[in-house]
Amino acid sequence: MTVARTNTAAGAATERPIRRRPKDRKAQIATVAAEAFSERGYHAVGVDDIAATIGISGPALYRHYPNKYALFVHAATTTADALRTAADDALAGLDEAAAGERLDRLISALVTNTIEHRKLGGLYRWEGRYLQADDRTRIRNVFVHVTQCVAAPLRELRPELSAVDATTQGAATLSVMASISAHRTALATRRLHALLTSACESILRTTLPPAVPTGDVPARVEGTGGLTMTSKRELLINEAVHIFDRNGYHDSSIEEIGAAAGINASSVYRHFPSKADLLAAVFYRAADRLAVATSAALSAATDPRAALCTLAESYLELAFRTPAVLSVYFAEIGNLPENERRNLRNVQRLHVEEWVHLVTAVRSELSAAEARFLVHAALGLVLDIGRLIHFDTAEESRARLHALMVAVLLGQ
């Protein structure tokens, strides 16, 4: 260690260590920031929070990044670029290799990268709305590139696939990998790698039902999900869902929500003491609808396999009826007060365990933890692929997504 010699008042020389700035400080800041943004959300994380985690001051951090947005963009693009690099490196030098070998190498590399960056995986997935248009487009192009890296050898292996099918299945594999960022279930790295690889292979082997013919996609009209719209409270909940989804929680105001519902701000507070209480009400209402749908699906099934298929259909129908609720839940639950967040995560955990019980009943070779990963992957497909197809209401679209969910849950 390098030391400096200092003379004391008595003339004695003492030694003190000289602190040197790590050469990788900028990369260290970006990693810590990405984890914080992914875990707690862009608006909930301050520059001082990031600096304190690293053990530096806010001004010291500003020597590397001029503002929080610049840090956010760097964290998001670095994470996306790492995925692209993993894909390109996996395929390097394999131009003459068989399609199956290229695809195997690619999936393995992408799964490895995703596991290594598990804490960062939610950054673009949930917080991308806060990126400016050019930055959002740049990162989206990375995912398009990686998706096509999967789709190209897949079409060579399965020439009967259309470009739409191959792209959908390529995007679904990325969704399955990214799903591990949405929960904290633990599994040994080697076993997790094998599980995700197997789930991706199941997706790539799946035969999808025919797609909706071009030009026949119906316009999606999002319903109220059964809310009683004569109630001002329920009207506020319904309008809040759409505004939170469009603007993000932090950029939405009580005044805007009240105006959309035809109610002034002071009247909104008669129903909800705060914006956070309104957000919690959105989630509790969604949980109630999900509980009813789950109960109906389970009561109608004759065996675990049939129950899983029915449960997937029920979840899809509910999600496609009110997709804004799904998007808001995944993106904004971190903005709830801690007690509400804990309560809702417990509700979600109980719902997931219903699926886990059915998966392990059908696939006895899986542990509960492994089944839990697959359930989260199947549920994540609904949001990711739903967004890809704009949650269109055609029966064919839901049937294709249902086939992907079943492939993940039951294997192929």
Protein backbone atom coordinates (compact mmCIF):
# COMPACT_ATOMS: atom_id res chain seq x y z
CA MET A 1 0.00 0.00 0.00
CA THR A 2 1.28 3.48 -0.77
CA VAL A 3 1.73 5.64 2.32
CA ALA A 4 2.47 9.29 3.03
CA ARG A 5 4.74 10.44 5.87
CA THR A 6 3.39 13.17 8.15
CA ASN A 7 5.27 15.01 10.90
CA THR A 8 3.46 15.36 14.24
CA ALA A 9 3.71 18.38 16.53
CA ALA A 10 6.48 16.59 18.47
CA GLY A 11 8.42 16.06 15.28
CA ALA A 12 7.79 12.32 15.04
CA ALA A 13 6.99 10.94 11.63
CA THR A 14 3.78 8.94 11.20
CA GLU A 15 2.45 7.11 8.20
CA ARG A 16 -1.03 7.24 6.72
CA PRO A 17 -2.42 5.37 3.70
CA ILE A 18 -3.09 7.32 0.53
CA ARG A 19 -6.53 6.59 -0.89
CA ARG A 20 -6.43 6.08 -4.62
CA ARG A 21 -9.49 6.13 -6.83
CA PRO A 22 -10.17 2.64 -8.26
CA LYS A 23 -9.51 2.44 -11.98
CA ASP A 24 -12.93 0.90 -12.52
CA ARG A 25 -14.85 3.45 -10.43
CA LYS A 26 -17.13 4.47 -13.31
CA ALA A 27 -18.08 0.87 -14.02
CA GLN A 28 -18.60 0.26 -10.30
CA ILE A 29 -20.96 3.22 -10.10
CA ALA A 30 -22.90 2.00 -13.13
CA THR A 31 -23.35 -1.49 -11.64
CA VAL A 32 -24.53 -0.21 -8.26
CA ALA A 33 -26.89 2.25 -9.96
CA ALA A 34 -28.33 -0.42 -12.27
CA GLU A 35 -29.05 -2.70 -9.31
CA ALA A 36 -30.68 0.13 -7.37
CA PHE A 37 -32.80 1.35 -10.31
CA SER A 38 -33.85 -2.21 -11.11
CA GLU A 39 -34.77 -3.02 -7.52
CA ARG A 40 -36.37 0.24 -6.36
CA GLY A 41 -37.20 2.18 -9.52
CA TYR A 42 -35.65 5.20 -11.20
CA HIS A 43 -37.48 7.87 -9.21
CA ALA A 44 -37.01 6.20 -5.83
CA VAL A 45 -33.21 6.19 -6.12
CA GLY A 46 -31.17 9.34 -5.56
CA VAL A 47 -27.60 10.07 -6.60
CA ASP A 48 -26.63 10.36 -2.94
CA ASP A 49 -28.06 6.87 -2.30
CA ILE A 50 -25.83 5.42 -5.01
CA ALA A 51 -22.79 7.35 -3.81
CA ALA A 52 -23.32 6.21 -0.22
CA THR A 53 -23.52 2.57 -1.28
CA ILE A 54 -20.12 2.88 -2.93
CA GLY A 55 -18.65 4.95 -0.11
CA ILE A 56 -18.08 8.20 -1.98
CA SER A 57 -19.72 11.61 -1.93
CA GLY A 58 -22.33 12.92 -4.32
CA PRO A 59 -19.91 15.44 -5.86
CA ALA A 60 -17.39 12.63 -6.42
CA LEU A 61 -20.02 10.71 -8.38
CA TYR A 62 -20.75 13.77 -10.52
CA ARG A 63 -17.15 13.66 -11.74
CA HIS A 64 -18.17 10.55 -13.69
CA TYR A 65 -21.79 11.37 -14.60
CA PRO A 66 -23.27 14.86 -15.00
CA ASN A 67 -26.71 13.91 -13.63
CA LYS A 68 -28.91 10.99 -12.59
CA TYR A 69 -30.39 10.56 -16.04
CA ALA A 70 -26.94 10.16 -17.62
CA LEU A 71 -26.19 7.50 -15.03
CA PHE A 72 -29.51 5.78 -15.74
CA VAL A 73 -28.89 5.73 -19.48
CA HIS A 74 -25.37 4.38 -19.03
CA ALA A 75 -26.60 1.65 -16.68
CA ALA A 76 -29.41 0.63 -19.03
CA THR A 77 -27.30 0.63 -22.19
CA THR A 78 -24.43 -1.21 -20.51
CA THR A 79 -26.80 -3.97 -19.40
CA ALA A 80 -28.34 -4.26 -22.87
CA ASP A 81 -24.97 -4.13 -24.59
CA ALA A 82 -23.71 -6.98 -22.39
CA LEU A 83 -26.55 -9.14 -23.70
CA ARG A 84 -25.73 -8.22 -27.29
CA THR A 85 -22.04 -8.96 -26.74
CA ALA A 86 -22.90 -12.36 -25.25
CA ALA A 87 -24.95 -13.20 -28.34
CA ASP A 88 -22.36 -11.98 -30.84
CA ASP A 89 -19.48 -13.69 -29.04
CA ALA A 90 -21.39 -16.97 -28.90
CA LEU A 91 -21.89 -16.94 -32.66
CA ALA A 92 -18.41 -15.70 -33.57
CA GLY A 93 -16.57 -18.15 -35.82
CA LEU A 94 -19.61 -20.40 -36.23
CA ASP A 95 -20.73 -19.25 -39.67
CA GLU A 96 -20.18 -22.72 -41.10
CA ALA A 97 -21.53 -24.60 -38.07
CA ALA A 98 -24.85 -26.41 -38.14
CA ALA A 99 -27.89 -24.38 -37.09
CA GLY A 100 -28.46 -26.62 -34.06
CA GLU A 101 -24.94 -26.02 -32.75
CA ARG A 102 -25.24 -22.27 -33.23
CA LEU A 103 -28.57 -22.18 -31.46
CA ASP A 104 -27.33 -24.29 -28.53
CA ARG A 105 -24.25 -22.11 -28.07
CA LEU A 106 -26.34 -18.96 -28.29
CA ILE A 107 -28.98 -20.03 -25.75
CA SER A 108 -26.31 -21.20 -23.31
CA ALA A 109 -24.43 -17.89 -23.56
CA LEU A 110 -27.58 -15.80 -23.13
CA VAL A 111 -28.70 -17.82 -20.13
CA THR A 112 -25.25 -17.44 -18.54
CA ASN A 113 -25.30 -13.69 -19.11
CA THR A 114 -28.80 -13.34 -17.70
CA ILE A 115 -27.96 -15.27 -14.54
CA GLU A 116 -24.81 -13.19 -14.02
CA HIS A 117 -26.83 -9.99 -14.38
CA ARG A 118 -29.95 -11.16 -12.56
CA LYS A 119 -30.09 -8.09 -10.32
CA LEU A 120 -30.00 -5.82 -13.34
CA GLY A 121 -32.55 -7.58 -15.51
CA GLY A 122 -35.52 -5.48 -14.47
CA LEU A 123 -33.90 -2.17 -15.34
CA TYR A 124 -35.07 -1.80 -18.94
CA ARG A 125 -38.02 -4.15 -18.49
CA TRP A 126 -39.73 -2.00 -15.85
CA GLU A 127 -38.01 1.40 -15.99
CA GLY A 128 -37.59 1.87 -19.76
CA ARG A 129 -40.51 4.29 -19.89
CA TYR A 130 -38.30 6.93 -18.26
CA LEU A 131 -35.77 6.83 -21.09
CA GLN A 132 -35.94 9.51 -23.73
CA ALA A 133 -37.10 8.35 -27.16
CA ASP A 134 -33.66 8.04 -28.78
CA ASP A 135 -32.23 6.11 -25.84
CA ARG A 136 -35.26 3.85 -25.67
CA THR A 137 -35.00 3.11 -29.40
CA ARG A 138 -31.29 2.28 -29.11
CA ILE A 139 -31.90 -0.27 -26.38
CA ARG A 140 -34.95 -1.71 -28.12
CA ASN A 141 -32.80 -2.27 -31.20
CA VAL A 142 -30.42 -4.35 -29.10
CA PHE A 143 -33.24 -6.68 -28.10
CA VAL A 144 -34.46 -6.86 -31.69
CA HIS A 145 -30.94 -7.87 -32.76
CA VAL A 146 -30.63 -10.56 -30.10
CA THR A 147 -34.11 -11.87 -30.88
CA GLN A 148 -33.16 -12.24 -34.53
CA CYS A 149 -29.94 -13.99 -33.53
CA VAL A 150 -32.21 -16.68 -32.06
CA ALA A 151 -34.79 -16.62 -34.84
CA ALA A 152 -32.34 -17.09 -37.73
CA PRO A 153 -30.92 -20.52 -36.80
CA LEU A 154 -34.35 -21.57 -35.54
CA ARG A 155 -35.81 -21.08 -39.03
CA GLU A 156 -32.95 -23.09 -40.49
CA LEU A 157 -33.77 -25.95 -38.13
CA ARG A 158 -37.52 -25.58 -38.66
CA PRO A 159 -38.09 -24.24 -42.18
CA GLU A 160 -41.85 -24.61 -41.74
CA LEU A 161 -41.84 -21.67 -39.34
CA SER A 162 -42.90 -18.27 -40.57
CA ALA A 163 -40.78 -15.22 -39.76
CA VAL A 164 -43.48 -14.17 -37.27
CA ASP A 165 -43.40 -17.53 -35.51
CA ALA A 166 -39.60 -17.59 -35.26
CA THR A 167 -39.49 -14.01 -33.97
CA THR A 168 -42.22 -14.70 -31.42
CA GLN A 169 -40.43 -17.80 -30.15
CA GLY A 170 -37.11 -15.96 -30.08
CA ALA A 171 -38.65 -13.16 -28.02
CA ALA A 172 -40.27 -15.72 -25.74
CA THR A 173 -36.90 -17.29 -24.93
CA LEU A 174 -35.56 -13.88 -23.90
CA SER A 175 -38.66 -13.36 -21.76
CA VAL A 176 -38.13 -16.68 -19.97
CA MET A 177 -34.54 -15.73 -19.19
CA ALA A 178 -35.48 -12.23 -18.03
CA SER A 179 -38.22 -13.59 -15.74
CA ILE A 180 -35.64 -14.38 -13.05
CA SER A 181 -35.33 -10.64 -12.37
CA ALA A 182 -38.96 -10.50 -11.16
CA HIS A 183 -38.53 -12.66 -8.04
CA ARG A 184 -35.94 -13.81 -5.53
CA THR A 185 -36.34 -17.57 -5.53
CA ALA A 186 -32.92 -19.15 -5.00
CA LEU A 187 -31.47 -22.05 -6.96
CA ALA A 188 -27.92 -23.28 -7.53
CA THR A 189 -26.44 -21.63 -10.60
CA ARG A 190 -25.81 -24.89 -12.45
CA ARG A 191 -29.35 -26.11 -11.86
CA LEU A 192 -30.84 -22.75 -12.78
CA HIS A 193 -28.86 -22.71 -16.02
CA ALA A 194 -30.14 -26.18 -16.91
CA LEU A 195 -33.73 -25.27 -15.99
CA LEU A 196 -33.80 -22.07 -18.06
CA THR A 197 -32.11 -23.79 -20.99
CA SER A 198 -34.67 -26.58 -20.91
CA ALA A 199 -37.56 -24.09 -20.76
CA CYS A 200 -36.14 -22.19 -23.74
CA GLU A 201 -35.74 -25.42 -25.69
CA SER A 202 -39.36 -26.27 -24.96
CA ILE A 203 -40.41 -22.93 -26.42
CA LEU A 204 -38.26 -23.40 -29.52
CA ARG A 205 -39.76 -26.84 -30.16
CA THR A 206 -43.34 -25.64 -29.75
CA THR A 207 -45.69 -25.54 -32.72
CA LEU A 208 -47.73 -22.37 -32.45
CA PRO A 209 -51.35 -22.16 -33.60
CA PRO A 210 -51.82 -20.04 -36.75
CA ALA A 211 -51.38 -16.31 -36.29
CA VAL A 212 -54.08 -13.77 -36.99
CA PRO A 213 -53.99 -12.94 -40.73
CA THR A 214 -52.37 -9.59 -41.46
CA GLY A 215 -54.95 -6.82 -41.34
CA ASP A 216 -57.41 -8.87 -39.29
CA VAL A 217 -56.17 -7.86 -35.84
CA PRO A 218 -59.11 -6.25 -34.03
CA ALA A 219 -58.69 -3.00 -32.22
CA ARG A 220 -58.22 -3.63 -28.52
CA VAL A 221 -60.79 -2.02 -26.28
CA GLU A 222 -59.71 -2.32 -22.70
CA GLY A 223 -62.60 -3.07 -20.41
CA THR A 224 -63.16 -2.12 -16.82
CA GLY A 225 -62.56 -5.66 -15.61
CA GLY A 226 -65.92 -5.80 -13.89
CA LEU A 227 -65.57 -2.55 -11.93
CA THR A 228 -68.86 -0.89 -10.91
CA MET A 229 -68.47 2.36 -12.72
CA THR A 230 -71.37 4.07 -10.91
CA SER A 231 -69.09 4.25 -7.84
CA LYS A 232 -66.74 7.26 -7.75
CA ARG A 233 -64.18 5.17 -5.87
CA GLU A 234 -64.16 2.50 -8.56
CA LEU A 235 -64.11 5.12 -11.31
CA LEU A 236 -61.00 6.64 -9.73
CA ILE A 237 -59.31 3.24 -9.56
CA ASN A 238 -60.07 2.60 -13.22
CA GLU A 239 -58.76 5.97 -14.38
CA ALA A 240 -55.70 5.69 -12.15
CA VAL A 241 -54.68 2.41 -13.81
CA HIS A 242 -54.54 4.02 -17.25
CA ILE A 243 -52.74 7.15 -16.08
CA PHE A 244 -50.16 5.22 -14.02
CA ASP A 245 -49.56 2.99 -17.04
CA ARG A 246 -49.19 5.91 -19.45
CA ASN A 247 -47.15 8.31 -17.30
CA GLY A 248 -45.59 6.21 -14.59
CA TYR A 249 -46.51 6.60 -10.93
CA HIS A 250 -44.19 9.52 -10.17
CA ASP A 251 -45.29 11.53 -13.19
CA SER A 252 -48.99 11.06 -12.44
CA SER A 253 -50.89 13.43 -10.19
CA ILE A 254 -54.04 13.21 -8.12
CA GLU A 255 -55.32 16.24 -10.02
CA GLU A 256 -54.92 14.47 -13.38
CA ILE A 257 -56.57 11.29 -12.11
CA GLY A 258 -59.43 13.26 -10.60
CA ALA A 259 -59.94 15.24 -13.79
CA ALA A 260 -60.10 12.03 -15.85
CA ALA A 261 -62.78 10.74 -13.50
CA GLY A 262 -64.65 14.07 -13.48
CA ILE A 263 -63.82 14.69 -9.82
CA ASN A 264 -61.85 17.57 -8.32
CA ALA A 265 -58.67 16.83 -6.36
CA SER A 266 -60.16 17.59 -2.94
CA SER A 267 -62.92 15.06 -3.59
CA VAL A 268 -60.38 12.40 -4.56
CA TYR A 269 -58.86 12.66 -1.09
CA ARG A 270 -62.22 11.74 0.45
CA HIS A 271 -61.79 8.30 -1.11
CA PHE A 272 -58.01 7.91 -0.96
CA PRO A 273 -55.79 9.72 1.58
CA SER A 274 -52.81 9.67 -0.80
CA LYS A 275 -51.66 8.68 -4.26
CA ALA A 276 -49.96 5.63 -2.73
CA ASP A 277 -53.30 4.51 -1.25
CA LEU A 278 -54.86 4.82 -4.70
CA LEU A 279 -52.05 2.72 -6.19
CA ALA A 280 -52.58 0.09 -3.48
CA ALA A 281 -56.30 0.02 -4.23
CA VAL A 282 -55.52 -0.70 -7.90
CA PHE A 283 -53.45 -3.71 -6.87
CA TYR A 284 -55.94 -5.04 -4.33
CA ARG A 285 -58.75 -4.80 -6.85
CA ALA A 286 -56.63 -6.72 -9.38
CA ALA A 287 -55.81 -9.34 -6.73
CA ASP A 288 -59.50 -9.82 -6.00
CA ARG A 289 -60.30 -10.40 -9.67
CA LEU A 290 -57.39 -12.81 -10.00
CA ALA A 291 -58.51 -14.79 -6.94
CA VAL A 292 -62.00 -15.19 -8.36
CA ALA A 293 -60.66 -16.26 -11.77
CA THR A 294 -58.23 -18.74 -10.18
CA SER A 295 -60.93 -20.31 -8.03
CA ALA A 296 -63.22 -20.74 -11.03
CA ALA A 297 -60.44 -22.28 -13.13
CA LEU A 298 -59.45 -24.78 -10.43
CA SER A 299 -63.01 -25.83 -9.69
CA ALA A 300 -63.63 -26.62 -13.36
CA ALA A 301 -60.52 -28.81 -13.83
CA THR A 302 -60.45 -32.61 -13.60
CA ASP A 303 -56.69 -33.20 -13.07
CA PRO A 304 -53.51 -31.13 -12.46
CA ARG A 305 -52.54 -30.94 -16.14
CA ALA A 306 -56.01 -29.76 -17.15
CA ALA A 307 -56.03 -27.35 -14.22
CA LEU A 308 -52.77 -25.74 -15.37
CA CYS A 309 -54.07 -25.31 -18.90
CA THR A 310 -57.33 -23.82 -17.63
CA LEU A 311 -55.49 -21.58 -15.19
CA ALA A 312 -53.28 -20.26 -18.00
CA GLU A 313 -56.34 -19.53 -20.13
CA SER A 314 -58.01 -17.73 -17.24
CA TYR A 315 -54.93 -15.63 -16.49
CA LEU A 316 -54.55 -14.72 -20.15
CA GLU A 317 -58.19 -13.67 -20.48
CA LEU A 318 -57.93 -11.46 -17.42
CA ALA A 319 -54.61 -9.94 -18.45
CA PHE A 320 -55.72 -9.18 -22.01
CA ARG A 321 -58.93 -7.61 -20.73
CA THR A 322 -57.00 -5.12 -18.56
CA PRO A 323 -53.34 -5.18 -19.62
CA ALA A 324 -52.63 -1.82 -17.99
CA VAL A 325 -53.11 -3.44 -14.57
CA LEU A 326 -50.47 -6.03 -15.41
CA SER A 327 -47.96 -3.42 -16.57
CA VAL A 328 -48.57 -1.18 -13.58
CA TYR A 329 -48.20 -4.05 -11.11
CA PHE A 330 -44.80 -5.11 -12.40
CA ALA A 331 -43.50 -1.57 -12.83
CA GLU A 332 -44.92 0.24 -9.79
CA ILE A 333 -45.24 -2.14 -6.85
CA GLY A 334 -41.97 -0.77 -5.49
CA ASN A 335 -43.67 2.60 -4.97
CA LEU A 336 -46.07 1.27 -2.36
CA PRO A 337 -45.48 1.80 1.36
CA GLU A 338 -43.52 -1.12 2.81
CA ASN A 339 -46.47 -2.70 4.64
CA GLU A 340 -48.69 -2.61 1.54
CA ARG A 341 -45.89 -3.93 -0.63
CA ARG A 342 -45.34 -6.80 1.79
CA ASN A 343 -49.05 -7.64 1.92
CA LEU A 344 -49.41 -7.66 -1.85
CA ARG A 345 -46.29 -9.74 -2.35
CA ASN A 346 -47.76 -12.27 0.08
CA VAL A 347 -50.95 -12.34 -1.99
CA GLN A 348 -48.87 -12.86 -5.15
CA ARG A 349 -46.85 -15.60 -3.44
CA LEU A 350 -50.01 -17.50 -2.51
CA HIS A 351 -51.25 -17.24 -6.09
CA VAL A 352 -47.94 -18.50 -7.50
CA GLU A 353 -47.97 -21.42 -5.05
CA GLU A 354 -51.27 -22.61 -6.53
CA TRP A 355 -49.48 -22.96 -9.87
CA VAL A 356 -46.40 -24.49 -8.25
CA HIS A 357 -48.50 -27.20 -6.62
CA LEU A 358 -49.99 -28.14 -10.00
CA VAL A 359 -46.65 -28.08 -11.84
CA THR A 360 -45.00 -30.42 -9.32
CA ALA A 361 -48.03 -32.72 -9.42
CA VAL A 362 -47.55 -33.11 -13.18
CA ARG A 363 -43.74 -33.01 -13.22
CA SER A 364 -42.55 -34.92 -10.16
CA GLU A 365 -38.89 -34.52 -11.22
CA LEU A 366 -39.04 -30.81 -10.35
CA SER A 367 -38.52 -29.33 -6.91
CA ALA A 368 -40.88 -26.62 -5.66
CA ALA A 369 -38.17 -24.00 -6.28
CA GLU A 370 -37.67 -25.16 -9.87
CA ALA A 371 -41.42 -25.13 -10.47
CA ARG A 372 -41.56 -21.63 -9.03
CA PHE A 373 -39.05 -20.38 -11.61
CA LEU A 374 -41.15 -21.89 -14.40
CA VAL A 375 -44.36 -20.34 -13.09
CA HIS A 376 -42.79 -16.89 -12.98
CA ALA A 377 -41.46 -17.47 -16.50
CA ALA A 378 -44.90 -18.42 -17.79
CA LEU A 379 -46.55 -15.41 -16.15
CA GLY A 380 -43.83 -13.10 -17.47
CA LEU A 381 -44.55 -14.27 -21.01
CA VAL A 382 -48.03 -12.77 -20.76
CA LEU A 383 -46.62 -9.29 -20.22
CA ASP A 384 -43.63 -9.49 -22.57
CA ILE A 385 -45.29 -11.21 -25.52
CA GLY A 386 -48.54 -9.39 -24.80
CA ARG A 387 -46.69 -6.12 -25.31
CA LEU A 388 -45.08 -7.47 -28.47
CA ILE A 389 -48.49 -8.20 -30.00
CA HIS A 390 -50.10 -5.10 -28.46
CA PHE A 391 -52.51 -7.23 -26.42
CA ASP A 392 -54.77 -7.67 -29.40
CA THR A 393 -58.03 -9.40 -28.56
CA ALA A 394 -58.04 -12.03 -31.30
CA GLU A 395 -58.60 -15.56 -30.04
CA GLU A 396 -55.69 -16.74 -32.22
CA SER A 397 -53.27 -14.42 -30.40
CA ARG A 398 -54.23 -15.71 -26.98
CA ALA A 399 -54.02 -19.31 -28.24
CA ARG A 400 -50.43 -18.75 -29.38
CA LEU A 401 -49.43 -17.25 -26.06
CA HIS A 402 -51.22 -20.04 -24.22
CA ALA A 403 -49.16 -22.57 -26.18
CA LEU A 404 -45.95 -20.84 -25.05
CA MET A 405 -47.06 -20.80 -21.40
CA VAL A 406 -47.93 -24.49 -21.49
CA ALA A 407 -44.61 -25.31 -23.13
CA VAL A 408 -42.75 -23.64 -20.26
CA LEU A 409 -44.86 -25.17 -17.52
CA LEU A 410 -45.17 -28.71 -18.85
CA GLY A 411 -42.07 -29.01 -21.03
CA GLN A 412 -41.95 -30.55 -24.49
